Amino acid sequence: MKITVPLTDGFLPARFTKHADATDFLAGVPVRSFPITITEAPTATQAFALSLIDFDATPVCGFPWVHWLAANLPATWLTIPETASQEPKLAAQFIQGKNSNANAFAPRPTSVTTGYTGPQPPDKAHAYTLTVYALDEQLQLAPGFWLNDLRRALRGHVLAKAQLELPCQV
C-alpha cells in the first residue's frame, strides 16, 4: 500500500498549517485537513484508520504531539478528501480521536480536542508522520478515542500499513 499527500516545494501546503487563512482556524488552531491518496490497498480492505504525529515536538513539549486520529474511514475512499475532518457530511462517515490539544498540561477548548489540528512547529521545521492502515474490519472505538485505544484496536486487523513524513515549515 502507498499513500501520497500533495506538497508545495517539499512542504505541507500552508493552508493545512499555522500559515492557513484565518477562515481555516478554530480557537487559534488550524483545522483544514489535507487530502490523502491511497493506492495499492489490499482488496480485502473494509476500512482505513490513520494517525498524524509530530515526533519532533518531543524536545519542545516533552511528548510526541498527536495531530489527528481517525478510524473506520470508508474503504471506498481511495482519496480521503480535503476537509474530511471538519466538514460535517464527510466527518459523519468515520470516527475521530482526541489530539494533543486534549492534554492535561495545556488544554484547549473542546472544539479543537478531537479531529485534525494542523502543524504549528514552534522552533524549526518539523516532519509529521502520517500512518494509514488498511483494516480487515471496522474498529470497535468510540468517538474521542485516544492513541492507545487505536493502537490496541488495530491489533490483528491491519492488512497493510503505509507511512509518509510530511515536512512543515516553521
C-alpha atoms as a PDB file:
ATOM      1  CA  MET A   1       0.000   0.000   0.000  1.00  0.00           C
ATOM      2  CA  LYS A   2       1.178   3.521  -0.745  1.00  0.00           C
ATOM      3  CA  ILE A   3      -0.026   6.958   0.333  1.00  0.00           C
ATOM      4  CA  THR A   4       0.597  10.399  -1.091  1.00  0.00           C
ATOM      5  CA  VAL A   5      -0.176  13.916   0.067  1.00  0.00           C
ATOM      6  CA  PRO A   6       0.279  16.977  -2.148  1.00  0.00           C
ATOM      7  CA  LEU A   7       3.312  19.040  -1.116  1.00  0.00           C
ATOM      8  CA  THR A   8       4.430  22.514  -2.171  1.00  0.00           C
ATOM      9  CA  ASP A   9       8.195  22.880  -2.615  1.00  0.00           C
ATOM     10  CA  GLY A  10       8.606  19.752  -0.475  1.00  0.00           C
ATOM     11  CA  PHE A  11       6.445  21.015   2.416  1.00  0.00           C
ATOM     12  CA  LEU A  12       2.860  20.546   3.528  1.00  0.00           C
ATOM     13  CA  PRO A  13       0.918  23.396   1.876  1.00  0.00           C
ATOM     14  CA  ALA A  14       0.334  26.442   4.076  1.00  0.00           C
ATOM     15  CA  ARG A  15      -3.471  26.086   4.012  1.00  0.00           C
ATOM     16  CA  PHE A  16      -3.181  22.984   6.257  1.00  0.00           C
ATOM     17  CA  THR A  17      -0.770  24.541   8.793  1.00  0.00           C
ATOM     18  CA  LYS A  18      -0.290  27.516  11.081  1.00  0.00           C
ATOM     19  CA  HIS A  19       0.112  29.583   7.902  1.00  0.00           C
ATOM     20  CA  ALA A  20      -3.507  28.979   6.812  1.00  0.00           C
ATOM     21  CA  ASP A  21      -6.024  31.733   6.210  1.00  0.00           C
ATOM     22  CA  ALA A  22      -7.974  32.877   9.265  1.00  0.00           C
ATOM     23  CA  THR A  23     -11.081  31.135   7.896  1.00  0.00           C
ATOM     24  CA  ASP A  24      -9.325  27.766   8.404  1.00  0.00           C
ATOM     25  CA  PHE A  25      -8.704  28.362  12.132  1.00  0.00           C
ATOM     26  CA  LEU A  26     -10.870  27.435  15.093  1.00  0.00           C
ATOM     27  CA  ALA A  27      -9.956  28.543  18.632  1.00  0.00           C
ATOM     28  CA  GLY A  28      -6.499  29.566  17.414  1.00  0.00           C
ATOM     29  CA  VAL A  29      -5.760  26.206  15.760  1.00  0.00           C
ATOM     30  CA  PRO A  30      -5.617  25.373  12.009  1.00  0.00           C
ATOM     31  CA  VAL A  31      -8.320  22.773  11.261  1.00  0.00           C
ATOM     32  CA  ARG A  32      -8.373  22.275   7.465  1.00  0.00           C
ATOM     33  CA  SER A  33      -7.300  18.669   6.897  1.00  0.00           C
ATOM     34  CA  PHE A  34      -5.298  17.714   3.808  1.00  0.00           C
ATOM     35  CA  PRO A  35      -6.224  15.106   1.178  1.00  0.00           C
ATOM     36  CA  ILE A  36      -4.579  11.699   1.276  1.00  0.00           C
ATOM     37  CA  THR A  37      -4.440   9.419  -1.757  1.00  0.00           C
ATOM     38  CA  ILE A  38      -4.214   5.678  -1.121  1.00  0.00           C
ATOM     39  CA  THR A  39      -3.041   3.246  -3.794  1.00  0.00           C
ATOM     40  CA  GLU A  40      -2.444  -0.489  -3.843  1.00  0.00           C
ATOM     41  CA  ALA A  41      -4.647  -1.148  -0.815  1.00  0.00           C
ATOM     42  CA  PRO A  42      -5.450  -4.821  -0.297  1.00  0.00           C
ATOM     43  CA  THR A  43      -8.668  -5.894  -1.990  1.00  0.00           C
ATOM     44  CA  ALA A  44      -9.981  -7.229   1.336  1.00  0.00           C
ATOM     45  CA  THR A  45      -9.818  -3.757   2.931  1.00  0.00           C
ATOM     46  CA  GLN A  46     -13.001  -2.979   4.865  1.00  0.00           C
ATOM     47  CA  ALA A  47     -11.936   0.383   6.330  1.00  0.00           C
ATOM     48  CA  PHE A  48      -8.943   2.655   6.869  1.00  0.00           C
ATOM     49  CA  ALA A  49      -7.504   4.263  10.000  1.00  0.00           C
ATOM     50  CA  LEU A  50      -4.852   6.950  10.320  1.00  0.00           C
ATOM     51  CA  SER A  51      -2.632   8.837  12.697  1.00  0.00           C
ATOM     52  CA  LEU A  52      -0.671  12.057  12.246  1.00  0.00           C
ATOM     53  CA  ILE A  53       2.014  12.537  14.883  1.00  0.00           C
ATOM     54  CA  ASP A  54       4.780  15.109  15.356  1.00  0.00           C
ATOM     55  CA  PHE A  55       7.656  13.226  16.957  1.00  0.00           C
ATOM     56  CA  ASP A  56       9.813  16.355  16.548  1.00  0.00           C
ATOM     57  CA  ALA A  57       7.650  18.014  19.219  1.00  0.00           C
ATOM     58  CA  THR A  58       9.190  15.879  21.964  1.00  0.00           C
ATOM     59  CA  PRO A  59      12.088  18.268  22.775  1.00  0.00           C
ATOM     60  CA  VAL A  60       9.632  21.191  22.819  1.00  0.00           C
ATOM     61  CA  CYS A  61       6.733  19.841  24.890  1.00  0.00           C
ATOM     62  CA  GLY A  62       8.043  16.565  26.305  1.00  0.00           C
ATOM     63  CA  PHE A  63       5.993  14.138  24.205  1.00  0.00           C
ATOM     64  CA  PRO A  64       5.078  13.425  20.575  1.00  0.00           C
ATOM     65  CA  TRP A  65       2.184  15.685  19.562  1.00  0.00           C
ATOM     66  CA  VAL A  66      -0.854  13.891  18.140  1.00  0.00           C
ATOM     67  CA  HIS A  67      -2.442  15.994  15.380  1.00  0.00           C
ATOM     68  CA  TRP A  68      -5.064  13.592  14.042  1.00  0.00           C
ATOM     69  CA  LEU A  69      -6.507  10.180  14.784  1.00  0.00           C
ATOM     70  CA  ALA A  70      -9.256   8.698  12.633  1.00  0.00           C
ATOM     71  CA  ALA A  71     -10.742   5.237  12.205  1.00  0.00           C
ATOM     72  CA  ASN A  72     -13.366   3.466  10.141  1.00  0.00           C
ATOM     73  CA  LEU A  73     -12.806   5.677   7.130  1.00  0.00           C
ATOM     74  CA  PRO A  74     -14.704   4.110   4.213  1.00  0.00           C
ATOM     75  CA  ALA A  75     -12.739   1.555   2.195  1.00  0.00           C
ATOM     76  CA  THR A  76     -14.116   3.252  -0.929  1.00  0.00           C
ATOM     77  CA  TRP A  77     -12.209   6.439  -0.063  1.00  0.00           C
ATOM     78  CA  LEU A  78      -9.059   5.933  -2.078  1.00  0.00           C
ATOM     79  CA  THR A  79      -8.667   9.663  -1.648  1.00  0.00           C
ATOM     80  CA  ILE A  80      -9.504  10.913   1.807  1.00  0.00           C
ATOM     81  CA  PRO A  81     -10.966  14.288   0.871  1.00  0.00           C
ATOM     82  CA  GLU A  82      -9.522  17.630   1.891  1.00  0.00           C
ATOM     83  CA  THR A  83     -11.562  18.972   4.837  1.00  0.00           C
ATOM     84  CA  ALA A  84     -12.744  15.433   5.752  1.00  0.00           C
ATOM     85  CA  SER A  85     -12.035  16.124   9.429  1.00  0.00           C
ATOM     86  CA  GLN A  86     -14.230  19.185   9.816  1.00  0.00           C
ATOM     87  CA  GLU A  87     -16.846  19.095   7.052  1.00  0.00           C
ATOM     88  CA  PRO A  88     -19.940  17.611   8.764  1.00  0.00           C
ATOM     89  CA  LYS A  89     -21.102  15.419   5.845  1.00  0.00           C
ATOM     90  CA  LEU A  90     -17.633  13.904   5.459  1.00  0.00           C
ATOM     91  CA  ALA A  91     -16.768  13.646   9.161  1.00  0.00           C
ATOM     92  CA  ALA A  92     -20.044  11.812   9.831  1.00  0.00           C
ATOM     93  CA  GLN A  93     -18.752   8.875   7.765  1.00  0.00           C
ATOM     94  CA  PHE A  94     -15.963   7.905  10.214  1.00  0.00           C
ATOM     95  CA  ILE A  95     -14.858   8.438  13.806  1.00  0.00           C
ATOM     96  CA  GLN A  96     -12.115  10.704  15.100  1.00  0.00           C
ATOM     97  CA  GLY A  97      -9.969  10.512  18.176  1.00  0.00           C
ATOM     98  CA  LYS A  98      -8.503  13.005  20.598  1.00  0.00           C
ATOM     99  CA  ASN A  99      -5.490  15.032  19.549  1.00  0.00           C
ATOM    100  CA  SER A 100      -2.893  16.512  21.889  1.00  0.00           C
ATOM    101  CA  ASN A 101      -4.952  19.668  22.414  1.00  0.00           C
ATOM    102  CA  ALA A 102      -6.850  17.495  24.886  1.00  0.00           C
ATOM    103  CA  ASN A 103      -3.753  17.054  27.067  1.00  0.00           C
ATOM    104  CA  ALA A 104      -3.862  17.990  30.731  1.00  0.00           C
ATOM    105  CA  PHE A 105      -0.836  20.299  30.556  1.00  0.00           C
ATOM    106  CA  ALA A 106      -2.168  22.948  28.194  1.00  0.00           C
ATOM    107  CA  PRO A 107      -5.806  22.121  27.428  1.00  0.00           C
ATOM    108  CA  ARG A 108      -7.642  23.919  24.617  1.00  0.00           C
ATOM    109  CA  PRO A 109     -11.384  24.369  24.073  1.00  0.00           C
ATOM    110  CA  THR A 110     -13.243  21.114  23.376  1.00  0.00           C
ATOM    111  CA  SER A 111     -13.955  22.356  19.828  1.00  0.00           C
ATOM    112  CA  VAL A 112     -10.332  21.552  18.893  1.00  0.00           C
ATOM    113  CA  THR A 113      -9.562  18.482  21.018  1.00  0.00           C
ATOM    114  CA  THR A 114     -10.936  15.897  18.566  1.00  0.00           C
ATOM    115  CA  GLY A 115     -10.129  15.610  14.875  1.00  0.00           C
ATOM    116  CA  TYR A 116      -7.447  17.278  12.781  1.00  0.00           C
ATOM    117  CA  THR A 117      -5.369  20.159  14.052  1.00  0.00           C
ATOM    118  CA  GLY A 118      -2.693  21.358  11.685  1.00  0.00           C
ATOM    119  CA  PRO A 119       1.030  21.611  12.216  1.00  0.00           C
ATOM    120  CA  GLN A 120       2.320  24.579  14.179  1.00  0.00           C
ATOM    121  CA  PRO A 121       6.052  23.951  14.585  1.00  0.00           C
ATOM    122  CA  PRO A 122       7.297  26.448  17.168  1.00  0.00           C
ATOM    123  CA  ASP A 123      11.063  26.122  16.880  1.00  0.00           C
ATOM    124  CA  LYS A 124      12.123  24.739  13.477  1.00  0.00           C
ATOM    125  CA  ALA A 125      10.742  22.769  10.548  1.00  0.00           C
ATOM    126  CA  HIS A 126       9.180  19.536  11.793  1.00  0.00           C
ATOM    127  CA  ALA A 127       8.434  16.272   9.987  1.00  0.00           C
ATOM    128  CA  TYR A 128       4.927  14.975  10.728  1.00  0.00           C
ATOM    129  CA  THR A 129       4.472  11.211  10.496  1.00  0.00           C
ATOM    130  CA  LEU A 130       1.301  10.174   8.692  1.00  0.00           C
ATOM    131  CA  THR A 131       0.417   6.497   9.019  1.00  0.00           C
ATOM    132  CA  VAL A 132      -2.537   4.946   7.183  1.00  0.00           C
ATOM    133  CA  TYR A 133      -3.739   1.447   7.985  1.00  0.00           C
ATOM    134  CA  ALA A 134      -5.854  -0.815   5.743  1.00  0.00           C
ATOM    135  CA  LEU A 135      -8.132  -2.854   8.002  1.00  0.00           C
ATOM    136  CA  ASP A 136      -9.971  -6.147   7.701  1.00  0.00           C
ATOM    137  CA  GLU A 137     -12.964  -4.757   9.624  1.00  0.00           C
ATOM    138  CA  GLN A 138     -14.209  -1.603  11.289  1.00  0.00           C
ATOM    139  CA  LEU A 139     -12.643  -0.979  14.681  1.00  0.00           C
ATOM    140  CA  GLN A 140     -14.647  -1.011  17.890  1.00  0.00           C
ATOM    141  CA  LEU A 141     -13.822   2.527  19.000  1.00  0.00           C
ATOM    142  CA  ALA A 142     -15.968   5.355  20.300  1.00  0.00           C
ATOM    143  CA  PRO A 143     -15.636   8.952  19.072  1.00  0.00           C
ATOM    144  CA  GLY A 144     -12.943  10.751  21.032  1.00  0.00           C
ATOM    145  CA  PHE A 145     -10.732   7.670  21.422  1.00  0.00           C
ATOM    146  CA  TRP A 146      -7.091   8.094  22.438  1.00  0.00           C
ATOM    147  CA  LEU A 147      -3.937   6.962  20.611  1.00  0.00           C
ATOM    148  CA  ASN A 148      -3.518   3.952  22.910  1.00  0.00           C
ATOM    149  CA  ASP A 149      -7.115   2.918  22.188  1.00  0.00           C
ATOM    150  CA  LEU A 150      -6.311   2.982  18.474  1.00  0.00           C
ATOM    151  CA  ARG A 151      -3.078   1.037  18.942  1.00  0.00           C
ATOM    152  CA  ARG A 152      -4.897  -1.707  20.831  1.00  0.00           C
ATOM    153  CA  ALA A 153      -7.854  -1.843  18.431  1.00  0.00           C
ATOM    154  CA  LEU A 154      -5.500  -2.221  15.450  1.00  0.00           C
ATOM    155  CA  ARG A 155      -4.032  -5.482  16.799  1.00  0.00           C
ATOM    156  CA  GLY A 156      -4.857  -8.343  14.475  1.00  0.00           C
ATOM    157  CA  HIS A 157      -6.772  -6.156  11.988  1.00  0.00           C
ATOM    158  CA  VAL A 158      -4.065  -4.470   9.892  1.00  0.00           C
ATOM    159  CA  LEU A 159      -3.868  -5.803   6.330  1.00  0.00           C
ATOM    160  CA  ALA A 160      -1.328  -3.179   5.242  1.00  0.00           C
ATOM    161  CA  LYS A 161       0.293  -0.022   6.560  1.00  0.00           C
ATOM    162  CA  ALA A 162       1.926   2.952   4.842  1.00  0.00           C
ATOM    163  CA  GLN A 163       3.858   5.866   6.341  1.00  0.00           C
ATOM    164  CA  LEU A 164       4.860   9.229   4.982  1.00  0.00           C
ATOM    165  CA  GLU A 165       6.883  12.046   6.521  1.00  0.00           C
ATOM    166  CA  LEU A 166       5.256  15.433   5.890  1.00  0.00           C
ATOM    167  CA  PRO A 167       7.641  18.345   6.430  1.00  0.00           C
ATOM    168  CA  CYS A 168       6.190  21.642   7.647  1.00  0.00           C
ATOM    169  CA  GLN A 169       7.945  24.989   7.711  1.00  0.00           C
ATOM    170  CA  VAL A 170       8.314  26.953  10.926  1.00  0.00           C
END
